[in-house]
């Protein structure tokens, strides 16, 4: 619960820290935990306004997908990320996640 609170915090630093911490226990997540975290991170990323936090969120989602427990429907909210002002590397990162 504390991790979810950090991922959805009101401050960018806390959200970034939460996204980073989500990757600390990748190998210990149960399938439901990995898919739930990916969904929450996806929803958060769709609303994110800070580029550095979005990068941390996308990285965490990518790491969670490596578990094999995250399905495309868990990260569909990424389609809502505004790509107009994204740096090229983040746009590529996002595109990779949406294509997988």
N, C-alpha and C. Protein backbone atom coordinates (compact mmCIF):
# COMPACT_ATOMS: atom_id res chain seq x y z
N UNK A 1 0.82 -1.19 0.00
CA UNK A 1 0.00 0.00 0.00
C UNK A 1 0.86 1.26 0.00
N UNK A 2 1.96 1.23 0.73
CA UNK A 2 2.84 2.40 0.77
C UNK A 2 3.41 2.69 -0.61
N UNK A 3 3.74 1.65 -1.36
CA UNK A 3 4.27 1.84 -2.70
C UNK A 3 3.22 2.48 -3.61
N UNK A 4 2.00 2.03 -3.52
CA UNK A 4 0.92 2.61 -4.32
C UNK A 4 0.69 4.07 -3.93
N UNK A 5 0.79 4.37 -2.64
CA UNK A 5 0.66 5.76 -2.19
C UNK A 5 1.75 6.63 -2.79
N UNK A 6 2.96 6.11 -2.87
CA UNK A 6 4.05 6.89 -3.45
C UNK A 6 3.84 7.08 -4.95
N UNK A 7 3.44 6.04 -5.65
CA UNK A 7 3.24 6.11 -7.09
C UNK A 7 2.18 7.15 -7.44
N UNK A 8 1.21 7.31 -6.56
CA UNK A 8 0.09 8.23 -6.83
C UNK A 8 0.17 9.52 -6.00
N UNK A 9 1.31 9.80 -5.42
CA UNK A 9 1.49 10.98 -4.56
C UNK A 9 1.28 12.28 -5.33
N UNK A 10 1.07 13.34 -4.59
CA UNK A 10 0.85 14.65 -5.21
C UNK A 10 2.15 15.33 -5.61
N UNK A 11 3.28 14.93 -5.03
CA UNK A 11 4.54 15.58 -5.37
C UNK A 11 5.32 14.76 -6.40
N UNK A 12 5.93 15.42 -7.36
CA UNK A 12 6.70 14.71 -8.39
C UNK A 12 7.82 13.84 -7.81
N UNK A 13 8.52 14.34 -6.81
CA UNK A 13 9.62 13.56 -6.23
C UNK A 13 9.12 12.25 -5.64
N UNK A 14 8.00 12.28 -4.96
CA UNK A 14 7.44 11.06 -4.38
C UNK A 14 7.00 10.10 -5.47
N UNK A 15 6.38 10.61 -6.53
CA UNK A 15 5.94 9.75 -7.63
C UNK A 15 7.13 9.09 -8.31
N UNK A 16 8.19 9.87 -8.50
CA UNK A 16 9.39 9.31 -9.12
C UNK A 16 10.02 8.24 -8.24
N UNK A 17 10.10 8.52 -6.96
CA UNK A 17 10.64 7.55 -6.01
C UNK A 17 9.79 6.28 -5.99
N UNK A 18 8.48 6.44 -6.01
CA UNK A 18 7.60 5.28 -6.04
C UNK A 18 7.81 4.43 -7.29
N UNK A 19 7.95 5.09 -8.43
CA UNK A 19 8.19 4.35 -9.68
C UNK A 19 9.53 3.61 -9.61
N UNK A 20 10.54 4.27 -9.08
CA UNK A 20 11.84 3.63 -8.93
C UNK A 20 11.78 2.44 -7.98
N UNK A 21 11.06 2.61 -6.88
CA UNK A 21 10.96 1.53 -5.89
C UNK A 21 10.14 0.36 -6.40
N UNK A 22 9.26 0.61 -7.34
CA UNK A 22 8.45 -0.48 -7.90
C UNK A 22 9.33 -1.52 -8.59
N UNK A 23 10.51 -1.11 -9.01
CA UNK A 23 11.41 -2.06 -9.69
C UNK A 23 12.33 -2.79 -8.73
N UNK A 24 12.33 -2.40 -7.46
CA UNK A 24 13.26 -3.00 -6.49
C UNK A 24 12.94 -4.46 -6.16
N UNK A 25 11.69 -4.84 -6.30
CA UNK A 25 11.29 -6.20 -5.90
C UNK A 25 10.68 -6.98 -7.07
N UNK A 26 11.10 -6.68 -8.28
CA UNK A 26 10.52 -7.29 -9.48
C UNK A 26 10.39 -8.80 -9.37
N UNK A 27 11.42 -9.46 -8.93
CA UNK A 27 11.40 -10.93 -8.91
C UNK A 27 10.51 -11.51 -7.81
N UNK A 28 10.06 -10.70 -6.87
CA UNK A 28 9.25 -11.23 -5.78
C UNK A 28 7.74 -10.96 -5.95
N UNK A 29 7.35 -10.23 -6.99
CA UNK A 29 5.93 -9.93 -7.18
C UNK A 29 5.15 -11.16 -7.65
N UNK A 30 3.98 -11.32 -7.07
CA UNK A 30 3.03 -12.31 -7.58
C UNK A 30 2.45 -11.75 -8.88
N UNK A 31 1.89 -12.59 -9.74
CA UNK A 31 1.32 -12.09 -11.00
C UNK A 31 0.32 -10.94 -10.81
N UNK A 32 -0.57 -11.05 -9.84
CA UNK A 32 -1.56 -10.00 -9.61
C UNK A 32 -0.90 -8.70 -9.16
N UNK A 33 0.16 -8.80 -8.38
CA UNK A 33 0.86 -7.60 -7.92
C UNK A 33 1.55 -6.88 -9.08
N UNK A 34 2.22 -7.64 -9.93
CA UNK A 34 2.91 -7.04 -11.07
C UNK A 34 1.93 -6.37 -12.02
N UNK A 35 0.83 -7.03 -12.32
CA UNK A 35 -0.14 -6.45 -13.25
C UNK A 35 -0.84 -5.24 -12.63
N UNK A 36 -1.12 -5.29 -11.34
CA UNK A 36 -1.75 -4.15 -10.67
C UNK A 36 -0.83 -2.94 -10.64
N UNK A 37 0.43 -3.15 -10.31
CA UNK A 37 1.38 -2.04 -10.30
C UNK A 37 1.54 -1.44 -11.69
N UNK A 38 1.60 -2.29 -12.72
CA UNK A 38 1.73 -1.78 -14.08
C UNK A 38 0.51 -0.96 -14.47
N UNK A 39 -0.67 -1.40 -14.06
CA UNK A 39 -1.88 -0.65 -14.36
C UNK A 39 -1.87 0.71 -13.66
N UNK A 40 -1.51 0.73 -12.40
CA UNK A 40 -1.48 1.98 -11.65
C UNK A 40 -0.42 2.92 -12.24
N UNK A 41 0.72 2.40 -12.58
CA UNK A 41 1.75 3.22 -13.20
C UNK A 41 1.29 3.75 -14.55
N UNK A 42 0.57 2.94 -15.30
CA UNK A 42 0.05 3.36 -16.59
C UNK A 42 -0.95 4.50 -16.44
N UNK A 43 -1.85 4.38 -15.49
CA UNK A 43 -2.82 5.44 -15.22
C UNK A 43 -2.09 6.72 -14.80
N UNK A 44 -1.12 6.57 -13.93
CA UNK A 44 -0.34 7.73 -13.47
C UNK A 44 0.42 8.38 -14.61
N UNK A 45 1.03 7.57 -15.46
CA UNK A 45 1.79 8.10 -16.59
C UNK A 45 0.90 8.88 -17.54
N UNK A 46 -0.33 8.43 -17.72
CA UNK A 46 -1.26 9.12 -18.62
C UNK A 46 -1.56 10.53 -18.15
N UNK A 47 -1.41 10.78 -16.85
CA UNK A 47 -1.71 12.09 -16.27
C UNK A 47 -0.45 12.89 -15.94
N UNK A 48 0.71 12.29 -16.10
CA UNK A 48 1.96 12.90 -15.64
C UNK A 48 2.34 14.15 -16.45
N UNK A 49 2.78 15.17 -15.75
CA UNK A 49 3.20 16.41 -16.40
C UNK A 49 4.71 16.64 -16.31
N UNK A 50 5.37 15.90 -15.45
CA UNK A 50 6.82 16.04 -15.27
C UNK A 50 7.54 14.98 -16.10
N UNK A 51 8.38 15.42 -17.02
CA UNK A 51 9.08 14.50 -17.92
C UNK A 51 9.94 13.49 -17.17
N UNK A 52 10.64 13.93 -16.15
CA UNK A 52 11.52 13.02 -15.42
C UNK A 52 10.73 11.94 -14.68
N UNK A 53 9.56 12.30 -14.18
CA UNK A 53 8.70 11.33 -13.50
C UNK A 53 8.13 10.35 -14.52
N UNK A 54 7.71 10.87 -15.67
CA UNK A 54 7.19 10.00 -16.72
C UNK A 54 8.25 8.99 -17.14
N UNK A 55 9.47 9.43 -17.25
CA UNK A 55 10.56 8.51 -17.61
C UNK A 55 10.69 7.39 -16.57
N UNK A 56 10.62 7.74 -15.30
CA UNK A 56 10.71 6.73 -14.23
C UNK A 56 9.53 5.78 -14.29
N UNK A 57 8.34 6.30 -14.58
CA UNK A 57 7.14 5.47 -14.67
C UNK A 57 7.25 4.50 -15.84
N UNK A 58 7.68 5.00 -16.99
CA UNK A 58 7.81 4.14 -18.17
C UNK A 58 8.87 3.06 -17.94
N UNK A 59 9.96 3.44 -17.29
CA UNK A 59 10.99 2.46 -16.97
C UNK A 59 10.44 1.37 -16.06
N UNK A 60 9.70 1.78 -15.04
CA UNK A 60 9.13 0.79 -14.12
C UNK A 60 8.16 -0.14 -14.84
N UNK A 61 7.35 0.41 -15.72
CA UNK A 61 6.41 -0.43 -16.49
C UNK A 61 7.19 -1.42 -17.34
N UNK A 62 8.23 -0.96 -18.00
CA UNK A 62 9.04 -1.85 -18.83
C UNK A 62 9.63 -2.98 -18.00
N UNK A 63 10.15 -2.65 -16.83
CA UNK A 63 10.69 -3.67 -15.94
C UNK A 63 9.61 -4.67 -15.51
N UNK A 64 8.43 -4.15 -15.19
CA UNK A 64 7.33 -5.04 -14.78
C UNK A 64 6.90 -5.95 -15.92
N UNK A 65 6.96 -5.47 -17.15
CA UNK A 65 6.58 -6.34 -18.29
C UNK A 65 7.54 -7.51 -18.43
N UNK A 66 8.76 -7.34 -17.95
CA UNK A 66 9.74 -8.43 -18.04
C UNK A 66 9.37 -9.63 -17.18
N UNK A 67 8.42 -9.45 -16.26
CA UNK A 67 8.00 -10.57 -15.41
C UNK A 67 7.12 -11.55 -16.17
N UNK A 68 6.54 -11.09 -17.27
CA UNK A 68 5.62 -11.94 -18.02
C UNK A 68 4.20 -11.89 -17.49
N UNK A 69 3.97 -11.12 -16.43
CA UNK A 69 2.65 -11.05 -15.81
C UNK A 69 1.83 -9.85 -16.25
N UNK A 70 2.45 -8.94 -16.98
CA UNK A 70 1.76 -7.73 -17.42
C UNK A 70 1.24 -7.94 -18.83
N UNK A 71 -0.05 -7.73 -19.00
CA UNK A 71 -0.70 -7.89 -20.30
C UNK A 71 -0.95 -6.52 -20.92
N UNK A 72 -1.21 -6.53 -22.21
CA UNK A 72 -1.45 -5.27 -22.93
C UNK A 72 -2.57 -4.47 -22.29
N UNK A 73 -3.61 -5.14 -21.82
CA UNK A 73 -4.74 -4.42 -21.23
C UNK A 73 -4.36 -3.72 -19.92
N UNK A 74 -3.27 -4.15 -19.28
CA UNK A 74 -2.82 -3.49 -18.05
C UNK A 74 -2.21 -2.12 -18.32
N UNK A 75 -1.74 -1.90 -19.52
CA UNK A 75 -1.05 -0.64 -19.80
C UNK A 75 -1.71 0.18 -20.91
N UNK A 76 -2.96 -0.08 -21.19
CA UNK A 76 -3.64 0.65 -22.26
C UNK A 76 -3.75 2.14 -21.98
N UNK A 77 -3.69 2.52 -20.71
CA UNK A 77 -3.76 3.95 -20.38
C UNK A 77 -2.59 4.74 -20.97
N UNK A 78 -1.51 4.04 -21.31
CA UNK A 78 -0.37 4.72 -21.92
C UNK A 78 -0.74 5.37 -23.25
N UNK A 79 -1.79 4.89 -23.88
CA UNK A 79 -2.24 5.50 -25.13
C UNK A 79 -2.72 6.93 -24.92
N UNK A 80 -3.02 7.30 -23.68
CA UNK A 80 -3.50 8.64 -23.36
C UNK A 80 -2.38 9.63 -23.06
N UNK A 81 -1.14 9.16 -23.02
CA UNK A 81 -0.01 10.06 -22.76
C UNK A 81 0.10 11.04 -23.93
N UNK A 82 0.15 12.31 -23.61
CA UNK A 82 0.31 13.34 -24.64
C UNK A 82 1.72 13.25 -25.21
N UNK A 83 1.82 12.92 -26.49
CA UNK A 83 3.13 12.70 -27.10
C UNK A 83 3.66 13.93 -27.82
N UNK A 84 2.87 14.97 -27.88
CA UNK A 84 3.26 16.17 -28.63
C UNK A 84 4.55 16.80 -28.12
N UNK A 85 4.69 16.89 -26.83
CA UNK A 85 5.85 17.58 -26.26
C UNK A 85 6.87 16.63 -25.63
N UNK A 86 6.73 15.34 -25.90
CA UNK A 86 7.68 14.39 -25.33
C UNK A 86 9.03 14.47 -26.03
N UNK A 87 10.11 14.37 -25.27
CA UNK A 87 11.42 14.23 -25.90
C UNK A 87 11.44 12.95 -26.75
N UNK A 88 12.21 12.94 -27.78
CA UNK A 88 12.24 11.82 -28.73
C UNK A 88 12.49 10.48 -28.05
N UNK A 89 13.42 10.45 -27.09
CA UNK A 89 13.74 9.17 -26.44
C UNK A 89 12.57 8.63 -25.63
N UNK A 90 11.79 9.51 -25.01
CA UNK A 90 10.62 9.06 -24.26
C UNK A 90 9.52 8.62 -25.20
N UNK A 91 9.38 9.29 -26.32
CA UNK A 91 8.38 8.89 -27.30
C UNK A 91 8.70 7.49 -27.83
N UNK A 92 9.96 7.20 -28.08
CA UNK A 92 10.37 5.87 -28.53
C UNK A 92 10.11 4.82 -27.44
N UNK A 93 10.41 5.16 -26.22
CA UNK A 93 10.17 4.30 -25.06
C UNK A 93 8.68 3.96 -24.98
N UNK A 94 7.87 4.97 -25.10
CA UNK A 94 6.42 4.80 -25.04
C UNK A 94 5.93 3.93 -26.20
N UNK A 95 6.44 4.20 -27.38
CA UNK A 95 6.05 3.42 -28.55
C UNK A 95 6.41 1.94 -28.38
N UNK A 96 7.59 1.68 -27.85
CA UNK A 96 8.01 0.29 -27.60
C UNK A 96 7.04 -0.42 -26.65
N UNK A 97 6.64 0.27 -25.60
CA UNK A 97 5.71 -0.33 -24.65
C UNK A 97 4.35 -0.60 -25.28
N UNK A 98 3.89 0.32 -26.11
CA UNK A 98 2.57 0.15 -26.72
C UNK A 98 2.58 -0.94 -27.80
N UNK A 99 3.73 -1.18 -28.41
CA UNK A 99 3.80 -2.19 -29.45
C UNK A 99 3.95 -3.59 -28.90
N UNK A 100 4.47 -3.73 -27.68
CA UNK A 100 4.70 -5.07 -27.11
C UNK A 100 3.46 -5.74 -26.70
